[in-house]
């Protein structure tokens, strides 16, 4: 099995690229979805997050309000504290997911999409890394469209989130592949297809070498 990490900055199109790989035969897990599941009531991560950040981050039904949690962590400089709670169990869940894929198919290509691969240290667990990029203005425009908000508010939010992340340049330095998602979807799909051919070769080589 080939383990692939897929990362990139805010609103660069990681999920779109991940879905393109799935259409070619890859298996895909979303680190954000894993973290969301781990922060459901009764989960150990939920208990630790609430203990650290207080009941003010909760909705009326007791679930964690993620914007409220972000507001409690980002501006106050407590993002490192939050990451220390969330990242280790997310990485453990990712590893278990990849092991389950491998048990089903030794030649599989398992991709984990995560914005914080570098920050969590999990990038070292992968055979190959892919960074998705686009221009700063595109990130803001896409974020505004996704969340239906004015550009100025989107700019502030994108800048805030980027301060808590490694730069695109840092991501690219540790990646074997970079996908430029600033053009058309067809152009992005062409890049994905070229990389997929290489990943398939690598997965077969790894399967036969085991």
N, C-alpha and C. Protein backbone atom coordinates (compact mmCIF):
# COMPACT_ATOMS: atom_id res chain seq x y z
N UNK A 1 0.84 -1.19 0.00
CA UNK A 1 0.00 0.00 0.00
C UNK A 1 0.87 1.24 0.00
N UNK A 2 0.42 2.24 -0.72
CA UNK A 2 1.12 3.52 -0.73
C UNK A 2 0.33 4.51 0.11
N UNK A 3 1.03 5.15 1.07
CA UNK A 3 0.39 6.14 1.95
C UNK A 3 0.74 7.53 1.45
N UNK A 4 -0.29 8.32 1.13
CA UNK A 4 -0.09 9.63 0.53
C UNK A 4 -0.76 10.70 1.38
N UNK A 5 -0.03 11.76 1.68
CA UNK A 5 -0.59 12.91 2.38
C UNK A 5 -0.91 14.01 1.38
N UNK A 6 -2.09 14.57 1.51
CA UNK A 6 -2.56 15.63 0.61
C UNK A 6 -2.82 16.88 1.45
N UNK A 7 -2.09 17.95 1.17
CA UNK A 7 -2.22 19.15 1.98
C UNK A 7 -2.26 20.39 1.11
N UNK A 8 -2.36 21.54 1.76
CA UNK A 8 -2.43 22.82 1.05
C UNK A 8 -3.01 23.87 1.97
N UNK A 9 -2.98 25.11 1.52
CA UNK A 9 -3.47 26.22 2.32
C UNK A 9 -4.99 26.29 2.36
N UNK A 10 -5.48 27.32 3.01
CA UNK A 10 -6.92 27.54 3.16
C UNK A 10 -7.58 27.71 1.79
N UNK A 11 -8.67 26.99 1.56
CA UNK A 11 -9.50 27.15 0.35
C UNK A 11 -8.71 27.01 -0.95
N UNK A 12 -7.70 26.14 -0.94
CA UNK A 12 -6.91 25.95 -2.16
C UNK A 12 -7.49 24.86 -3.05
N UNK A 13 -8.44 24.07 -2.52
CA UNK A 13 -9.06 23.02 -3.34
C UNK A 13 -8.60 21.62 -3.02
N UNK A 14 -8.14 21.38 -1.81
CA UNK A 14 -7.65 20.05 -1.43
C UNK A 14 -8.72 18.98 -1.60
N UNK A 15 -9.94 19.28 -1.15
CA UNK A 15 -11.00 18.27 -1.23
C UNK A 15 -11.36 17.97 -2.68
N UNK A 16 -11.39 18.99 -3.52
CA UNK A 16 -11.67 18.78 -4.94
C UNK A 16 -10.62 17.86 -5.56
N UNK A 17 -9.36 18.12 -5.25
CA UNK A 17 -8.27 17.29 -5.76
C UNK A 17 -8.38 15.87 -5.20
N UNK A 18 -8.69 15.75 -3.91
CA UNK A 18 -8.86 14.43 -3.32
C UNK A 18 -9.94 13.62 -4.01
N UNK A 19 -11.05 14.26 -4.33
CA UNK A 19 -12.15 13.58 -5.03
C UNK A 19 -11.73 13.14 -6.43
N UNK A 20 -10.87 13.93 -7.06
CA UNK A 20 -10.36 13.54 -8.38
C UNK A 20 -9.54 12.26 -8.28
N UNK A 21 -8.74 12.15 -7.22
CA UNK A 21 -7.96 10.92 -7.02
C UNK A 21 -8.89 9.74 -6.73
N UNK A 22 -9.94 9.98 -5.96
CA UNK A 22 -10.91 8.92 -5.68
C UNK A 22 -11.53 8.39 -6.96
N UNK A 23 -11.84 9.30 -7.89
CA UNK A 23 -12.45 8.89 -9.16
C UNK A 23 -11.52 7.99 -9.97
N UNK A 24 -10.22 8.05 -9.66
CA UNK A 24 -9.24 7.22 -10.36
C UNK A 24 -8.97 5.91 -9.63
N UNK A 25 -9.48 5.79 -8.40
CA UNK A 25 -9.33 4.54 -7.66
C UNK A 25 -8.68 4.65 -6.30
N UNK A 26 -8.34 5.85 -5.86
CA UNK A 26 -7.72 6.02 -4.55
C UNK A 26 -8.74 5.91 -3.43
N UNK A 27 -8.25 5.62 -2.23
CA UNK A 27 -9.06 5.68 -1.01
C UNK A 27 -8.72 7.00 -0.32
N UNK A 28 -9.73 7.69 0.21
CA UNK A 28 -9.52 9.02 0.77
C UNK A 28 -10.13 9.15 2.16
N UNK A 29 -9.34 9.69 3.09
CA UNK A 29 -9.84 10.04 4.42
C UNK A 29 -9.58 11.52 4.64
N UNK A 30 -10.50 12.19 5.31
CA UNK A 30 -10.38 13.62 5.60
C UNK A 30 -10.03 13.80 7.07
N UNK A 31 -8.87 14.38 7.34
CA UNK A 31 -8.45 14.57 8.73
C UNK A 31 -9.44 15.44 9.48
N UNK A 32 -10.02 16.42 8.79
CA UNK A 32 -10.99 17.30 9.45
C UNK A 32 -12.23 16.52 9.88
N UNK A 33 -12.66 15.57 9.07
CA UNK A 33 -13.82 14.74 9.41
C UNK A 33 -13.48 13.82 10.59
N UNK A 34 -12.27 13.29 10.60
CA UNK A 34 -11.84 12.45 11.73
C UNK A 34 -11.85 13.26 13.01
N UNK A 35 -11.30 14.49 12.95
CA UNK A 35 -11.27 15.35 14.13
C UNK A 35 -12.68 15.70 14.59
N UNK A 36 -13.56 15.96 13.62
CA UNK A 36 -14.96 16.28 13.96
C UNK A 36 -15.61 15.12 14.70
N UNK A 37 -15.38 13.90 14.22
CA UNK A 37 -15.97 12.72 14.86
C UNK A 37 -15.41 12.52 16.28
N UNK A 38 -14.12 12.81 16.45
CA UNK A 38 -13.49 12.63 17.76
C UNK A 38 -13.94 13.69 18.77
N UNK A 39 -14.51 14.78 18.26
CA UNK A 39 -14.96 15.84 19.15
C UNK A 39 -16.47 15.78 19.41
N UNK A 40 -17.06 14.62 19.17
CA UNK A 40 -18.46 14.43 19.50
C UNK A 40 -18.59 14.11 21.00
N UNK A 41 -19.73 14.47 21.61
CA UNK A 41 -19.92 14.20 23.04
C UNK A 41 -19.64 12.73 23.39
N UNK A 42 -19.05 12.54 24.55
CA UNK A 42 -18.68 11.22 25.10
C UNK A 42 -17.32 10.75 24.60
N UNK A 43 -16.79 11.37 23.55
CA UNK A 43 -15.44 11.01 23.10
C UNK A 43 -14.41 11.64 24.03
N UNK A 44 -13.27 10.98 24.19
CA UNK A 44 -12.24 11.47 25.10
C UNK A 44 -11.69 12.83 24.65
N UNK A 45 -11.55 13.01 23.33
CA UNK A 45 -11.06 14.30 22.82
C UNK A 45 -12.05 15.41 23.18
N UNK A 46 -13.33 15.13 23.04
CA UNK A 46 -14.37 16.11 23.42
C UNK A 46 -14.20 16.54 24.87
N UNK A 47 -14.03 15.58 25.75
CA UNK A 47 -13.91 15.89 27.18
C UNK A 47 -12.69 16.77 27.45
N UNK A 48 -11.57 16.47 26.79
CA UNK A 48 -10.35 17.24 27.01
C UNK A 48 -10.47 18.66 26.45
N UNK A 49 -11.12 18.79 25.28
CA UNK A 49 -11.28 20.11 24.68
C UNK A 49 -12.18 20.99 25.55
N UNK A 50 -13.29 20.44 26.01
CA UNK A 50 -14.22 21.20 26.85
C UNK A 50 -13.55 21.56 28.18
N UNK A 51 -12.79 20.64 28.74
CA UNK A 51 -12.09 20.93 30.00
C UNK A 51 -11.10 22.07 29.83
N UNK A 52 -10.47 22.13 28.65
CA UNK A 52 -9.45 23.16 28.41
C UNK A 52 -10.05 24.50 28.05
N UNK A 53 -11.15 24.50 27.27
CA UNK A 53 -11.67 25.76 26.72
C UNK A 53 -13.00 26.21 27.31
N UNK A 54 -13.63 25.36 28.10
CA UNK A 54 -14.82 25.78 28.81
C UNK A 54 -16.13 25.56 28.08
N UNK A 55 -17.22 25.69 28.84
CA UNK A 55 -18.55 25.44 28.29
C UNK A 55 -18.99 26.48 27.28
N UNK A 56 -18.29 27.62 27.21
CA UNK A 56 -18.69 28.68 26.28
C UNK A 56 -18.49 28.28 24.82
N UNK A 57 -17.78 27.17 24.56
CA UNK A 57 -17.59 26.72 23.18
C UNK A 57 -18.69 25.74 22.76
N UNK A 58 -19.66 25.48 23.64
CA UNK A 58 -20.68 24.47 23.35
C UNK A 58 -21.97 25.08 22.81
N UNK A 59 -22.62 24.31 21.94
CA UNK A 59 -23.97 24.63 21.51
C UNK A 59 -24.95 24.25 22.61
N UNK A 60 -26.20 24.61 22.43
CA UNK A 60 -27.21 24.28 23.45
C UNK A 60 -27.38 22.78 23.63
N UNK A 61 -27.13 22.02 22.56
CA UNK A 61 -27.29 20.57 22.67
C UNK A 61 -26.05 19.87 23.21
N UNK A 62 -25.03 20.65 23.60
CA UNK A 62 -23.82 20.08 24.18
C UNK A 62 -22.72 19.76 23.20
N UNK A 63 -22.98 19.90 21.90
CA UNK A 63 -21.94 19.67 20.90
C UNK A 63 -21.01 20.88 20.85
N UNK A 64 -19.82 20.67 20.33
CA UNK A 64 -18.85 21.75 20.23
C UNK A 64 -19.19 22.64 19.05
N UNK A 65 -19.26 23.92 19.30
CA UNK A 65 -19.45 24.91 18.24
C UNK A 65 -18.06 25.25 17.69
N UNK A 66 -17.78 24.79 16.50
CA UNK A 66 -16.42 24.90 15.99
C UNK A 66 -15.97 26.35 15.76
N UNK A 67 -16.83 27.24 15.28
CA UNK A 67 -16.41 28.66 15.20
C UNK A 67 -16.08 29.24 16.57
N UNK A 68 -16.86 28.87 17.59
CA UNK A 68 -16.57 29.35 18.94
C UNK A 68 -15.24 28.80 19.45
N UNK A 69 -14.97 27.53 19.14
CA UNK A 69 -13.70 26.93 19.53
C UNK A 69 -12.55 27.63 18.82
N UNK A 70 -12.73 27.92 17.54
CA UNK A 70 -11.69 28.62 16.78
C UNK A 70 -11.43 30.00 17.37
N UNK A 71 -12.50 30.68 17.74
CA UNK A 71 -12.35 32.01 18.33
C UNK A 71 -11.64 31.95 19.68
N UNK A 72 -11.84 30.85 20.40
CA UNK A 72 -11.17 30.69 21.69
C UNK A 72 -9.71 30.32 21.54
N UNK A 73 -9.37 29.66 20.43
CA UNK A 73 -8.00 29.16 20.26
C UNK A 73 -7.10 30.10 19.46
N UNK A 74 -7.62 30.66 18.37
CA UNK A 74 -6.76 31.42 17.46
C UNK A 74 -6.32 32.77 18.03
N UNK A 75 -7.24 33.67 18.35
CA UNK A 75 -6.79 35.01 18.74
C UNK A 75 -6.03 35.02 20.06
N UNK A 76 -6.29 34.03 20.91
CA UNK A 76 -5.67 34.01 22.24
C UNK A 76 -4.33 33.28 22.25
N UNK A 77 -3.91 32.80 21.11
CA UNK A 77 -2.64 32.09 21.04
C UNK A 77 -2.67 30.71 21.65
N UNK A 78 -3.86 30.10 21.74
CA UNK A 78 -3.97 28.78 22.36
C UNK A 78 -4.11 27.67 21.32
N UNK A 79 -3.78 27.97 20.07
CA UNK A 79 -3.91 26.96 19.02
C UNK A 79 -2.97 25.79 19.28
N UNK A 80 -1.78 26.06 19.83
CA UNK A 80 -0.84 24.97 20.14
C UNK A 80 -1.44 24.03 21.18
N UNK A 81 -2.12 24.60 22.16
CA UNK A 81 -2.77 23.80 23.19
C UNK A 81 -3.86 22.92 22.60
N UNK A 82 -4.66 23.52 21.71
CA UNK A 82 -5.73 22.75 21.06
C UNK A 82 -5.14 21.62 20.21
N UNK A 83 -4.12 21.95 19.42
CA UNK A 83 -3.50 20.95 18.56
C UNK A 83 -2.91 19.79 19.36
N UNK A 84 -2.36 20.11 20.54
CA UNK A 84 -1.77 19.06 21.37
C UNK A 84 -2.82 18.06 21.85
N UNK A 85 -4.06 18.52 21.99
CA UNK A 85 -5.16 17.64 22.38
C UNK A 85 -5.66 16.82 21.20
N UNK A 86 -5.81 17.48 20.06
CA UNK A 86 -6.50 16.87 18.93
C UNK A 86 -5.60 16.05 18.01
N UNK A 87 -4.38 16.55 17.75
CA UNK A 87 -3.55 15.90 16.73
C UNK A 87 -3.18 14.44 17.02
N UNK A 88 -2.72 14.08 18.22
CA UNK A 88 -2.31 12.68 18.43
C UNK A 88 -3.42 11.66 18.15
N UNK A 89 -4.65 11.84 18.67
CA UNK A 89 -5.68 10.85 18.36
C UNK A 89 -6.10 10.87 16.89
N UNK A 90 -6.03 12.03 16.23
CA UNK A 90 -6.34 12.08 14.80
C UNK A 90 -5.31 11.27 14.02
N UNK A 91 -4.04 11.43 14.36
CA UNK A 91 -2.99 10.67 13.69
C UNK A 91 -3.17 9.17 13.92
N UNK A 92 -3.50 8.78 15.15
CA UNK A 92 -3.75 7.37 15.45
C UNK A 92 -4.90 6.83 14.60
N UNK A 93 -5.97 7.63 14.46
CA UNK A 93 -7.12 7.20 13.66
C UNK A 93 -6.76 7.09 12.19
N UNK A 94 -5.95 8.02 11.71
CA UNK A 94 -5.49 7.95 10.31
C UNK A 94 -4.70 6.67 10.07
N UNK A 95 -3.79 6.36 11.00
CA UNK A 95 -2.95 5.18 10.84
C UNK A 95 -3.79 3.90 10.85
N UNK A 96 -4.78 3.85 11.73
CA UNK A 96 -5.65 2.67 11.79
C UNK A 96 -6.46 2.55 10.52
N UNK A 97 -6.94 3.66 9.98
CA UNK A 97 -7.69 3.64 8.72
C UNK A 97 -6.82 3.10 7.60
N UNK A 98 -5.57 3.57 7.52
CA UNK A 98 -4.68 3.10 6.45
C UNK A 98 -4.36 1.62 6.61
N UNK A 99 -4.19 1.17 7.84
CA UNK A 99 -3.95 -0.27 8.06
C UNK A 99 -5.15 -1.10 7.60
N UNK A 100 -6.36 -0.60 7.84
CA UNK A 100 -7.55 -1.34 7.41
C UNK A 100 -7.64 -1.41 5.88
N UNK A 101 -7.24 -0.33 5.22
CA UNK A 101 -7.23 -0.34 3.75
C UNK A 101 -6.20 -1.35 3.25
N UNK A 102 -5.03 -1.36 3.87
CA UNK A 102 -3.97 -2.28 3.46
C UNK A 102 -4.41 -3.73 3.62
N UNK A 103 -5.13 -4.03 4.70
CA UNK A 103 -5.59 -5.41 4.91
C UNK A 103 -6.53 -5.85 3.79
N UNK A 104 -7.29 -4.91 3.24
CA UNK A 104 -8.21 -5.22 2.15
C UNK A 104 -7.50 -5.34 0.81
N UNK A 105 -6.48 -4.47 0.61
CA UNK A 105 -5.81 -4.43 -0.69
C UNK A 105 -4.38 -3.96 -0.52
N UNK A 106 -3.40 -4.87 -0.59
CA UNK A 106 -2.00 -4.50 -0.42
C UNK A 106 -1.49 -3.51 -1.47
N UNK A 107 -2.18 -3.40 -2.60
CA UNK A 107 -1.75 -2.50 -3.67
C UNK A 107 -2.51 -1.17 -3.64
N UNK A 108 -3.29 -0.94 -2.61
CA UNK A 108 -4.12 0.27 -2.54
C UNK A 108 -3.27 1.53 -2.38
N UNK A 109 -3.87 2.64 -2.80
CA UNK A 109 -3.30 3.97 -2.57
C UNK A 109 -4.24 4.69 -1.61
N UNK A 110 -3.75 4.92 -0.38
CA UNK A 110 -4.57 5.54 0.65
C UNK A 110 -4.11 6.99 0.83
N UNK A 111 -5.04 7.92 0.64
CA UNK A 111 -4.72 9.35 0.72
C UNK A 111 -5.42 9.96 1.93
N UNK A 112 -4.66 10.70 2.74
CA UNK A 112 -5.22 11.45 3.85
C UNK A 112 -5.12 12.93 3.51
N UNK A 113 -6.27 13.60 3.44
CA UNK A 113 -6.28 15.04 3.19
C UNK A 113 -6.26 15.77 4.52
N UNK A 114 -5.26 16.63 4.72
CA UNK A 114 -5.14 17.34 5.99
C UNK A 114 -4.43 18.67 5.77
N UNK A 115 -5.02 19.73 6.28
CA UNK A 115 -4.40 21.05 6.16
C UNK A 115 -3.14 21.14 7.02
N UNK A 116 -3.09 20.39 8.12
CA UNK A 116 -2.03 20.55 9.11
C UNK A 116 -1.08 19.36 9.16
N UNK A 117 -0.72 18.82 8.02
CA UNK A 117 0.20 17.69 7.99
C UNK A 117 1.56 18.05 8.59
N UNK A 118 2.06 19.23 8.26
CA UNK A 118 3.35 19.64 8.80
C UNK A 118 3.26 19.95 10.28
N UNK A 119 2.23 20.72 10.63
CA UNK A 119 2.09 21.18 12.00
C UNK A 119 1.90 20.01 12.98
N UNK A 120 1.21 18.98 12.55
CA UNK A 120 0.95 17.82 13.41
C UNK A 120 2.12 16.86 13.46
N UNK A 121 3.04 16.98 12.49
CA UNK A 121 4.15 16.05 12.39
C UNK A 121 3.81 14.77 11.65
N UNK A 122 2.55 14.64 11.22
CA UNK A 122 2.12 13.40 10.57
C UNK A 122 2.67 13.25 9.16
N UNK A 123 3.21 14.32 8.58
CA UNK A 123 3.76 14.23 7.23
C UNK A 123 4.85 13.16 7.13
N UNK A 124 5.52 12.89 8.23
CA UNK A 124 6.59 11.90 8.22
C UNK A 124 6.07 10.47 8.12
N UNK A 125 4.76 10.28 8.26
CA UNK A 125 4.18 8.94 8.23
C UNK A 125 3.81 8.50 6.81
N UNK A 126 4.02 9.37 5.83
CA UNK A 126 3.55 9.09 4.47
C UNK A 126 4.71 8.78 3.52
N UNK A 127 4.39 7.97 2.49
CA UNK A 127 5.38 7.65 1.46
C UNK A 127 5.57 8.80 0.48
N UNK A 128 4.51 9.51 0.20
CA UNK A 128 4.55 10.64 -0.72
C UNK A 128 3.63 11.75 -0.20
N UNK A 129 4.01 12.99 -0.50
CA UNK A 129 3.20 14.15 -0.12
C UNK A 129 2.85 14.97 -1.35
N UNK A 130 1.62 15.48 -1.35
CA UNK A 130 1.14 16.33 -2.43
C UNK A 130 0.65 17.64 -1.82
N UNK A 131 1.10 18.78 -2.35
CA UNK A 131 0.61 20.08 -1.92
C UNK A 131 -0.22 20.71 -3.04
N UNK A 132 -1.39 21.19 -2.68
CA UNK A 132 -2.26 21.89 -3.63
C UNK A 132 -2.11 23.39 -3.40
N UNK A 133 -1.95 24.15 -4.48
CA UNK A 133 -1.76 25.58 -4.36
C UNK A 133 -2.73 26.35 -5.26
N UNK A 134 -2.90 27.62 -4.92
CA UNK A 134 -3.57 28.58 -5.79
C UNK A 134 -3.13 29.96 -5.31
N UNK A 135 -3.57 31.01 -5.97
CA UNK A 135 -3.12 32.35 -5.60
C UNK A 135 -3.80 32.82 -4.33
N UNK A 136 -3.19 33.78 -3.60
CA UNK A 136 -3.81 34.33 -2.39
C UNK A 136 -5.21 34.89 -2.65
N UNK A 137 -5.37 35.60 -3.74
CA UNK A 137 -6.69 36.18 -4.05
C UNK A 137 -7.73 35.10 -4.30
N UNK A 138 -7.31 34.01 -4.93
CA UNK A 138 -8.25 32.90 -5.18
C UNK A 138 -8.68 32.26 -3.88
N UNK A 139 -7.77 32.12 -2.94
CA UNK A 139 -8.14 31.55 -1.64
C UNK A 139 -9.25 32.38 -1.00
N UNK A 140 -9.08 33.69 -1.02
CA UNK A 140 -10.06 34.58 -0.41
C UNK A 140 -11.39 34.50 -1.13
N UNK A 141 -11.34 34.55 -2.47
CA UNK A 141 -12.58 34.49 -3.26
C UNK A 141 -13.31 33.17 -3.03
N UNK A 142 -12.59 32.08 -3.01
CA UNK A 142 -13.21 30.76 -2.83
C UNK A 142 -13.76 30.61 -1.41
N UNK A 143 -13.03 31.11 -0.43
CA UNK A 143 -13.50 31.05 0.95
C UNK A 143 -14.77 31.86 1.11
N UNK A 144 -14.80 33.06 0.51
CA UNK A 144 -15.99 33.92 0.59
C UNK A 144 -17.19 33.24 -0.06
N UNK A 145 -16.97 32.61 -1.19
CA UNK A 145 -18.06 31.94 -1.90
C UNK A 145 -18.56 30.73 -1.12
N UNK A 146 -17.62 29.97 -0.55
CA UNK A 146 -17.98 28.77 0.21
C UNK A 146 -18.83 29.11 1.43
N UNK A 147 -18.48 30.20 2.11
CA UNK A 147 -19.15 30.57 3.35
C UNK A 147 -20.14 31.71 3.18
N UNK A 148 -20.34 32.12 1.93
CA UNK A 148 -21.32 33.17 1.63
C UNK A 148 -21.08 34.41 2.49
N UNK A 149 -19.86 34.97 2.38
CA UNK A 149 -19.52 36.14 3.18
C UNK A 149 -18.82 37.19 2.31
N UNK A 150 -18.81 38.44 2.72
CA UNK A 150 -18.12 39.49 1.96
C UNK A 150 -16.62 39.22 1.87
N UNK A 151 -16.00 39.73 0.80
CA UNK A 151 -14.59 39.48 0.57
C UNK A 151 -13.71 39.98 1.72
N UNK A 152 -14.03 41.14 2.28
CA UNK A 152 -13.19 41.69 3.34
C UNK A 152 -13.19 40.80 4.58
N UNK A 153 -14.37 40.27 4.91
CA UNK A 153 -14.45 39.37 6.06
C UNK A 153 -13.70 38.07 5.75
N UNK A 154 -13.86 37.59 4.52
CA UNK A 154 -13.16 36.36 4.10
C UNK A 154 -11.65 36.56 4.15
N UNK A 155 -11.19 37.75 3.74
CA UNK A 155 -9.75 38.03 3.76
C UNK A 155 -9.21 37.96 5.19
N UNK A 156 -9.92 38.55 6.13
CA UNK A 156 -9.48 38.52 7.52
C UNK A 156 -9.45 37.10 8.06
N UNK A 157 -10.47 36.31 7.71
CA UNK A 157 -10.55 34.94 8.22
C UNK A 157 -9.46 34.06 7.60
N UNK A 158 -9.23 34.22 6.30
CA UNK A 158 -8.16 33.45 5.64
C UNK A 158 -6.81 33.80 6.24
N UNK A 159 -6.56 35.08 6.44
CA UNK A 159 -5.29 35.51 7.02
C UNK A 159 -5.12 34.96 8.44
N UNK A 160 -6.22 34.96 9.20
CA UNK A 160 -6.15 34.44 10.56
C UNK A 160 -5.80 32.95 10.56
N UNK A 161 -6.44 32.21 9.69
CA UNK A 161 -6.19 30.77 9.64
C UNK A 161 -4.78 30.46 9.14
N UNK A 162 -4.32 31.25 8.17
CA UNK A 162 -3.00 30.99 7.61
C UNK A 162 -1.89 31.22 8.62
N UNK A 163 -2.13 32.12 9.58
CA UNK A 163 -1.12 32.37 10.61
C UNK A 163 -0.89 31.16 11.49
N UNK A 164 -1.89 30.29 11.56
CA UNK A 164 -1.77 29.08 12.38
C UNK A 164 -1.27 27.89 11.57
N UNK A 165 -0.94 28.12 10.29
CA UNK A 165 -0.52 27.03 9.42
C UNK A 165 0.88 27.29 8.87
N UNK A 166 1.55 26.21 8.46
CA UNK A 166 2.80 26.35 7.74
C UNK A 166 2.53 27.04 6.41
N UNK A 167 3.50 27.74 5.90
CA UNK A 167 3.34 28.44 4.63
C UNK A 167 3.26 27.46 3.47
N UNK A 168 2.73 27.92 2.35
CA UNK A 168 2.69 27.09 1.15
C UNK A 168 4.10 26.67 0.75
N UNK A 169 5.07 27.59 0.91
CA UNK A 169 6.45 27.28 0.55
C UNK A 169 6.99 26.14 1.42
N UNK A 170 6.69 26.17 2.70
CA UNK A 170 7.13 25.09 3.60
C UNK A 170 6.50 23.76 3.20
N UNK A 171 5.22 23.80 2.87
CA UNK A 171 4.53 22.58 2.44
C UNK A 171 5.16 22.01 1.18
N UNK A 172 5.45 22.89 0.25
CA UNK A 172 6.03 22.43 -1.02
C UNK A 172 7.43 21.85 -0.83
N UNK A 173 8.18 22.38 0.13
CA UNK A 173 9.55 21.90 0.35
C UNK A 173 9.61 20.43 0.74
N UNK A 174 8.58 19.95 1.44
CA UNK A 174 8.61 18.55 1.87
C UNK A 174 7.77 17.65 0.97
N UNK A 175 7.18 18.21 -0.08
CA UNK A 175 6.30 17.44 -0.96
C UNK A 175 7.03 16.97 -2.22
N UNK A 176 6.63 15.80 -2.67
CA UNK A 176 7.17 15.29 -3.93
C UNK A 176 6.39 15.83 -5.13
N UNK A 177 5.14 16.23 -4.89
CA UNK A 177 4.29 16.73 -5.97
C UNK A 177 3.59 18.02 -5.54
N UNK A 178 3.43 18.93 -6.49
CA UNK A 178 2.68 20.16 -6.28
C UNK A 178 1.64 20.28 -7.38
N UNK A 179 0.40 20.49 -6.99
CA UNK A 179 -0.69 20.67 -7.96
C UNK A 179 -1.12 22.12 -7.94
N UNK A 180 -1.00 22.79 -9.07
CA UNK A 180 -1.43 24.18 -9.21
C UNK A 180 -2.92 24.19 -9.55
N UNK A 181 -3.73 24.59 -8.57
CA UNK A 181 -5.19 24.59 -8.74
C UNK A 181 -5.72 26.00 -9.02
N UNK A 182 -4.91 26.82 -9.67
CA UNK A 182 -5.32 28.19 -9.95
C UNK A 182 -6.02 28.34 -11.30
N UNK A 183 -6.00 27.28 -12.09
CA UNK A 183 -6.63 27.33 -13.41
C UNK A 183 -7.95 26.60 -13.46
N UNK A 184 -8.26 26.05 -14.60
CA UNK A 184 -9.52 25.34 -14.79
C UNK A 184 -9.47 23.97 -14.12
N UNK A 185 -10.65 23.39 -13.90
CA UNK A 185 -10.71 22.04 -13.32
C UNK A 185 -10.07 21.02 -14.24
N UNK A 186 -10.20 21.23 -15.55
CA UNK A 186 -9.58 20.31 -16.50
C UNK A 186 -8.06 20.33 -16.36
N UNK A 187 -7.50 21.52 -16.15
CA UNK A 187 -6.05 21.62 -15.96
C UNK A 187 -5.63 20.92 -14.68
N UNK A 188 -6.41 21.09 -13.62
CA UNK A 188 -6.11 20.40 -12.37
C UNK A 188 -6.22 18.90 -12.55
N UNK A 189 -7.25 18.48 -13.26
CA UNK A 189 -7.47 17.04 -13.47
C UNK A 189 -6.31 16.43 -14.25
N UNK A 190 -5.75 17.16 -15.19
CA UNK A 190 -4.60 16.66 -15.95
C UNK A 190 -3.40 16.42 -15.03
N UNK A 191 -3.17 17.34 -14.11
CA UNK A 191 -2.06 17.18 -13.15
C UNK A 191 -2.30 15.98 -12.25
N UNK A 192 -3.54 15.82 -11.79
CA UNK A 192 -3.89 14.68 -10.94
C UNK A 192 -3.65 13.38 -11.68
N UNK A 193 -4.04 13.32 -12.94
CA UNK A 193 -3.88 12.09 -13.74
C UNK A 193 -2.41 11.73 -13.91
N UNK A 194 -1.56 12.73 -14.14
CA UNK A 194 -0.12 12.46 -14.30
C UNK A 194 0.47 11.91 -13.00
N UNK A 195 0.08 12.52 -11.89
CA UNK A 195 0.60 12.06 -10.59
C UNK A 195 0.07 10.66 -10.27
N UNK A 196 -1.19 10.41 -10.61
CA UNK A 196 -1.79 9.11 -10.33
C UNK A 196 -1.02 7.98 -11.00
N UNK A 197 -0.58 8.20 -12.23
CA UNK A 197 0.19 7.19 -12.95
C UNK A 197 1.46 6.84 -12.17
N UNK A 198 2.13 7.87 -11.64
CA UNK A 198 3.35 7.63 -10.86
C UNK A 198 3.04 6.92 -9.54
N UNK A 199 1.94 7.33 -8.90
CA UNK A 199 1.57 6.70 -7.63
C UNK A 199 1.22 5.23 -7.82
N UNK A 200 0.55 4.91 -8.90
CA UNK A 200 0.21 3.51 -9.18
C UNK A 200 1.47 2.66 -9.34
N UNK A 201 2.46 3.20 -10.05
CA UNK A 201 3.71 2.47 -10.23
C UNK A 201 4.39 2.24 -8.88
N UNK A 202 4.41 3.27 -8.06
CA UNK A 202 5.04 3.17 -6.75
C UNK A 202 4.32 2.18 -5.85
N UNK A 203 2.99 2.16 -5.91
CA UNK A 203 2.23 1.25 -5.07
C UNK A 203 2.49 -0.20 -5.46
N UNK A 204 2.61 -0.46 -6.74
CA UNK A 204 2.89 -1.82 -7.20
C UNK A 204 4.30 -2.24 -6.78
N UNK A 205 5.27 -1.32 -6.93
CA UNK A 205 6.63 -1.63 -6.53
C UNK A 205 6.69 -1.95 -5.03
N UNK A 206 5.97 -1.17 -4.25
CA UNK A 206 5.99 -1.38 -2.81
C UNK A 206 5.31 -2.69 -2.44
N UNK A 207 4.20 -3.01 -3.12
CA UNK A 207 3.47 -4.25 -2.83
C UNK A 207 4.33 -5.49 -3.12
N UNK A 208 5.06 -5.44 -4.24
CA UNK A 208 5.85 -6.60 -4.64
C UNK A 208 7.14 -6.70 -3.84
N UNK A 209 7.57 -5.60 -3.20
CA UNK A 209 8.80 -5.64 -2.42
C UNK A 209 8.56 -6.12 -1.00
N UNK A 210 7.27 -6.18 -0.60
CA UNK A 210 6.95 -6.60 0.78
C UNK A 210 7.04 -8.11 0.92
